[in-house]
Amino acid sequence: MAGHSKWANIQHRKGRQDEKRGAAFSKIAKEITIAARMGGGDAAFNPRLRLAVDKAKTQNMPKDKIENAIKKGTGELEGVEYLEARYEGYGIGGAAIMVDCLTDNKTRTVADVRHAFLKHGGNLGADGCVAFQFRHCGQMLFAPGVDEMALMESAVDAGAEDVIAGADGAQEVLTAPGDFLAVKDALEAAGFKPDAAEVTMRPETETELSGEDAVKMQKLLDALENLDDTQTIYTTAVFNE
């Protein structure tokens, strides 16, 4: 159960997302709306909605915005009909990128995504061209200093699939997507509150970038992130300081 820690890179990504909090509200509202549309407006019986609402709360999204997004999904308020779309491609140094979008116009969205890739040195690929490089799973990250043995014991008892120790002392707990909320609740009840937690597409390989390549890759990721329809970006790129 040993491996590479993604602590620094995840903190770097979170920091950049926090800088764009206003845009984050819009993206989270879309996710809440589509989750409510697909599974109903009660978060207790809709895991996807609970995850979206939890994310909204961590971003300090106002309660009325959360409630309105749910109502748009359930039809109580008029709203836009969003479709899910995933685009895959390659960035600097061959790093894999997946872009998850919610859109009301796929023709517009794919054009915007393709333009961002081309403008910043990447290439939009065919469906499935990089998906095999990622694992769909629940991921919880704990800062260096957590009690490794106690966390591992609690995680295994709760049904986690793996606990990965980073060289810097950070700990990563992985779960099946459907077990994520139950494991997270169990760990928090045991006193282990993750510093980052989500159901994600976790890269199975890494493409290390530094210097000018890292700068170019970050510009590409920022361009994709800034698109109105982008929800989440996954990449195998890791940045060396």
Protein backbone atom coordinates (compact mmCIF):
# COMPACT_ATOMS: atom_id res chain seq x y z
CA MET A 1 0.00 0.00 0.00
CA ALA A 2 2.77 2.43 -0.87
CA GLY A 3 2.89 4.89 -3.70
CA HIS A 4 3.23 8.47 -4.89
CA SER A 5 1.57 11.33 -3.01
CA LYS A 6 -0.49 13.79 -5.03
CA TRP A 7 -0.76 16.24 -2.14
CA ALA A 8 1.15 19.15 -3.70
CA ASN A 9 -0.54 18.86 -7.08
CA ILE A 10 -4.04 18.56 -5.62
CA GLN A 11 -3.44 21.57 -3.37
CA HIS A 12 -2.18 23.48 -6.40
CA ARG A 13 -5.34 22.60 -8.34
CA LYS A 14 -7.61 23.52 -5.42
CA GLY A 15 -5.88 26.86 -5.04
CA ARG A 16 -6.47 27.77 -8.67
CA GLN A 17 -10.11 26.70 -8.42
CA ASP A 18 -10.62 28.85 -5.31
CA GLU A 19 -9.37 31.86 -7.28
CA LYS A 20 -12.33 31.35 -9.63
CA ARG A 21 -15.03 30.92 -7.01
CA GLY A 22 -17.66 32.96 -8.89
CA ALA A 23 -17.36 30.71 -11.91
CA ALA A 24 -17.33 27.70 -9.59
CA PHE A 25 -20.81 28.63 -8.30
CA SER A 26 -22.18 28.46 -11.84
CA LYS A 27 -20.55 25.09 -12.50
CA ILE A 28 -21.74 23.60 -9.21
CA ALA A 29 -25.28 24.90 -9.80
CA LYS A 30 -25.33 23.07 -13.14
CA GLU A 31 -24.20 19.84 -11.45
CA ILE A 32 -26.84 20.20 -8.74
CA THR A 33 -29.54 20.78 -11.35
CA ILE A 34 -28.68 17.76 -13.46
CA ALA A 35 -28.25 15.55 -10.38
CA ALA A 36 -31.70 16.56 -9.13
CA ARG A 37 -33.19 16.02 -12.59
CA MET A 38 -31.76 12.50 -12.84
CA GLY A 39 -32.25 11.28 -9.27
CA GLY A 40 -34.76 13.55 -7.54
CA GLY A 41 -34.41 16.52 -5.21
CA ASP A 42 -33.84 14.66 -1.92
CA ALA A 43 -30.09 14.40 -1.26
CA ALA A 44 -30.69 11.64 1.29
CA PHE A 45 -31.80 9.34 -1.55
CA ASN A 46 -29.67 10.80 -4.35
CA PRO A 47 -25.92 10.25 -3.82
CA ARG A 48 -24.94 12.37 -6.81
CA LEU A 49 -26.99 15.28 -5.51
CA ARG A 50 -25.49 14.94 -2.04
CA LEU A 51 -21.98 15.09 -3.50
CA ALA A 52 -22.87 18.20 -5.48
CA VAL A 53 -24.48 19.90 -2.49
CA ASP A 54 -21.51 19.02 -0.28
CA LYS A 55 -19.19 20.58 -2.87
CA ALA A 56 -21.37 23.70 -2.95
CA LYS A 57 -21.18 24.02 0.82
CA THR A 58 -17.38 23.69 0.86
CA GLN A 59 -17.30 26.61 -1.61
CA ASN A 60 -19.63 28.61 0.67
CA MET A 61 -22.29 28.74 -2.02
CA PRO A 62 -25.39 30.55 -0.68
CA LYS A 63 -28.22 28.28 0.48
CA ASP A 64 -30.80 29.96 -1.78
CA LYS A 65 -28.65 29.28 -4.86
CA ILE A 66 -28.40 25.60 -3.88
CA GLU A 67 -32.16 25.34 -3.37
CA ASN A 68 -32.93 27.12 -6.65
CA ALA A 69 -30.59 24.79 -8.55
CA ILE A 70 -32.39 21.78 -7.07
CA LYS A 71 -35.78 23.23 -7.99
CA LYS A 72 -34.65 23.78 -11.57
CA GLY A 73 -33.68 20.11 -11.72
CA THR A 74 -36.99 18.89 -10.30
CA GLY A 75 -39.01 21.23 -12.51
CA GLU A 76 -40.28 23.51 -9.74
CA LEU A 77 -38.43 26.39 -11.42
CA GLU A 78 -37.84 26.90 -15.12
CA GLY A 79 -34.31 26.07 -16.18
CA VAL A 80 -32.04 25.12 -19.05
CA GLU A 81 -31.90 21.48 -20.20
CA TYR A 82 -28.27 20.43 -19.83
CA LEU A 83 -26.60 17.45 -21.51
CA GLU A 84 -23.47 15.68 -20.29
CA ALA A 85 -20.49 15.45 -22.61
CA ARG A 86 -16.92 14.20 -22.19
CA TYR A 87 -14.01 15.17 -24.43
CA GLU A 88 -10.59 13.52 -24.46
CA GLY A 89 -7.25 14.62 -25.80
CA TYR A 90 -3.56 15.21 -25.25
CA GLY A 91 -1.69 18.16 -23.81
CA ILE A 92 1.97 19.10 -23.54
CA GLY A 93 4.37 16.17 -23.44
CA GLY A 94 1.58 13.78 -24.35
CA ALA A 95 -0.20 14.26 -21.01
CA ALA A 96 -3.74 12.87 -21.14
CA ILE A 97 -6.69 15.21 -20.54
CA MET A 98 -10.39 14.53 -20.05
CA VAL A 99 -12.90 17.37 -19.94
CA ASP A 100 -16.37 16.79 -18.51
CA CYS A 101 -18.97 19.34 -19.63
CA LEU A 102 -22.61 20.19 -19.06
CA THR A 103 -24.03 21.96 -22.08
CA ASP A 104 -27.21 23.05 -23.82
CA ASN A 105 -25.43 23.03 -27.20
CA LYS A 106 -22.91 20.26 -27.91
CA THR A 107 -21.92 21.76 -31.27
CA ARG A 108 -20.80 24.97 -29.56
CA THR A 109 -19.08 23.13 -26.74
CA VAL A 110 -16.99 20.78 -28.87
CA ALA A 111 -15.90 23.74 -31.01
CA ASP A 112 -14.82 25.66 -27.89
CA VAL A 113 -12.96 22.66 -26.47
CA ARG A 114 -11.20 21.95 -29.78
CA HIS A 115 -10.15 25.60 -30.09
CA ALA A 116 -8.69 25.63 -26.56
CA PHE A 117 -6.68 22.48 -27.27
CA LEU A 118 -5.31 23.75 -30.58
CA LYS A 119 -4.54 27.27 -29.37
CA HIS A 120 -2.42 26.00 -26.48
CA GLY A 121 -0.50 23.17 -28.07
CA GLY A 122 -2.79 20.23 -27.41
CA ASN A 123 -4.92 17.92 -29.55
CA LEU A 124 -8.54 16.89 -29.13
CA GLY A 125 -8.77 13.13 -29.70
CA ALA A 126 -11.45 10.54 -30.31
CA ASP A 127 -13.76 9.18 -27.62
CA GLY A 128 -11.88 6.68 -25.47
CA CYS A 129 -8.41 7.74 -26.58
CA VAL A 130 -7.20 8.44 -23.03
CA ALA A 131 -9.96 7.09 -20.77
CA PHE A 132 -8.03 3.87 -20.17
CA GLN A 133 -5.39 5.92 -18.35
CA PHE A 134 -7.85 6.85 -15.58
CA ARG A 135 -9.66 4.94 -12.84
CA HIS A 136 -13.19 5.91 -11.79
CA CYS A 137 -13.11 5.88 -8.00
CA GLY A 138 -13.76 7.74 -4.78
CA GLN A 139 -10.69 9.58 -3.51
CA MET A 140 -9.98 11.12 -0.11
CA LEU A 141 -6.75 12.92 0.69
CA PHE A 142 -5.37 13.47 4.18
CA ALA A 143 -2.60 15.95 4.96
CA PRO A 144 0.84 14.85 6.18
CA GLY A 145 0.81 14.09 9.88
CA VAL A 146 -2.30 11.93 10.03
CA ASP A 147 -1.94 8.66 12.00
CA GLU A 148 -1.23 6.28 9.12
CA MET A 149 -1.95 3.00 10.89
CA ALA A 150 -5.15 4.21 12.54
CA LEU A 151 -6.41 5.68 9.27
CA MET A 152 -5.61 2.49 7.38
CA GLU A 153 -7.42 0.34 9.94
CA SER A 154 -10.50 2.59 9.89
CA ALA A 155 -10.50 2.78 6.09
CA VAL A 156 -10.25 -0.98 5.61
CA ASP A 157 -13.00 -1.56 8.18
CA ALA A 158 -15.19 0.97 6.36
CA GLY A 159 -14.78 -0.81 3.02
CA ALA A 160 -12.07 1.23 1.27
CA GLU A 161 -10.26 -0.43 -1.62
CA ASP A 162 -6.80 0.96 -0.90
CA VAL A 163 -4.78 3.33 1.27
CA ILE A 164 -1.76 4.87 -0.42
CA ALA A 165 1.02 6.48 1.59
CA GLY A 166 2.91 9.38 0.03
CA ALA A 167 6.59 10.05 0.57
CA ASP A 168 5.70 13.33 2.31
CA GLY A 169 3.38 11.63 4.81
CA ALA A 170 0.11 12.43 3.04
CA GLN A 171 -2.41 9.60 2.83
CA GLU A 172 -4.81 8.78 0.00
CA VAL A 173 -7.86 6.57 0.52
CA LEU A 174 -9.53 5.05 -2.54
CA THR A 175 -13.00 3.52 -2.75
CA ALA A 176 -15.40 2.14 -5.31
CA PRO A 177 -17.56 5.06 -6.57
CA GLY A 178 -20.69 3.65 -4.99
CA ASP A 179 -18.98 3.20 -1.60
CA PHE A 180 -17.51 6.70 -1.43
CA LEU A 181 -20.10 8.39 0.78
CA ALA A 182 -20.36 5.46 3.21
CA VAL A 183 -16.57 5.26 3.63
CA LYS A 184 -16.26 9.04 3.97
CA ASP A 185 -18.99 9.12 6.63
CA ALA A 186 -17.35 6.25 8.52
CA LEU A 187 -13.93 7.89 8.48
CA GLU A 188 -15.31 11.23 9.63
CA ALA A 189 -17.15 9.44 12.45
CA ALA A 190 -13.80 7.92 13.44
CA GLY A 191 -12.21 11.37 13.55
CA PHE A 192 -10.58 11.43 10.10
CA LYS A 193 -11.84 14.41 8.09
CA PRO A 194 -10.30 14.48 4.59
CA ASP A 195 -8.72 17.67 3.28
CA ALA A 196 -10.02 16.82 -0.21
CA ALA A 197 -12.69 14.29 -1.13
CA GLU A 198 -14.48 13.52 -4.39
CA VAL A 199 -15.57 10.86 -6.82
CA THR A 200 -13.09 11.33 -9.62
CA MET A 201 -11.22 9.91 -12.59
CA ARG A 202 -7.86 9.21 -10.97
CA PRO A 203 -4.87 8.98 -13.33
CA GLU A 204 -3.28 5.53 -13.34
CA THR A 205 -0.06 6.94 -14.85
CA GLU A 206 1.63 10.34 -14.50
CA THR A 207 3.28 12.68 -16.96
CA GLU A 208 5.80 14.82 -15.08
CA LEU A 209 6.24 18.34 -16.44
CA SER A 210 8.54 21.15 -15.39
CA GLY A 211 9.84 24.48 -16.66
CA GLU A 212 8.33 25.81 -19.86
CA ASP A 213 6.36 22.62 -20.50
CA ALA A 214 4.63 23.00 -17.13
CA VAL A 215 3.79 26.64 -17.90
CA LYS A 216 2.32 25.70 -21.31
CA MET A 217 0.31 22.86 -19.82
CA GLN A 218 -1.12 25.09 -17.12
CA LYS A 219 -2.21 27.61 -19.76
CA LEU A 220 -3.99 24.83 -21.65
CA LEU A 221 -5.72 23.59 -18.50
CA ASP A 222 -6.73 27.15 -17.57
CA ALA A 223 -8.17 27.73 -21.06
CA LEU A 224 -10.27 24.58 -20.76
CA GLU A 225 -11.29 25.41 -17.19
CA ASN A 226 -12.45 28.88 -18.24
CA LEU A 227 -14.94 27.55 -20.80
CA ASP A 228 -18.50 28.15 -19.66
CA ASP A 229 -19.53 24.53 -20.20
CA THR A 230 -16.56 22.88 -18.47
CA GLN A 231 -17.37 21.13 -15.21
CA THR A 232 -14.30 19.08 -14.35
CA ILE A 233 -10.90 18.44 -15.88
CA TYR A 234 -8.80 15.32 -15.29
CA THR A 235 -5.20 15.00 -16.39
CA THR A 236 -2.19 12.74 -15.97
CA ALA A 237 0.06 15.83 -15.79
CA VAL A 238 1.89 16.53 -12.53
CA PHE A 239 3.98 19.63 -12.03
CA ASN A 240 7.43 19.47 -10.51
CA GLU A 241 8.40 22.52 -8.48
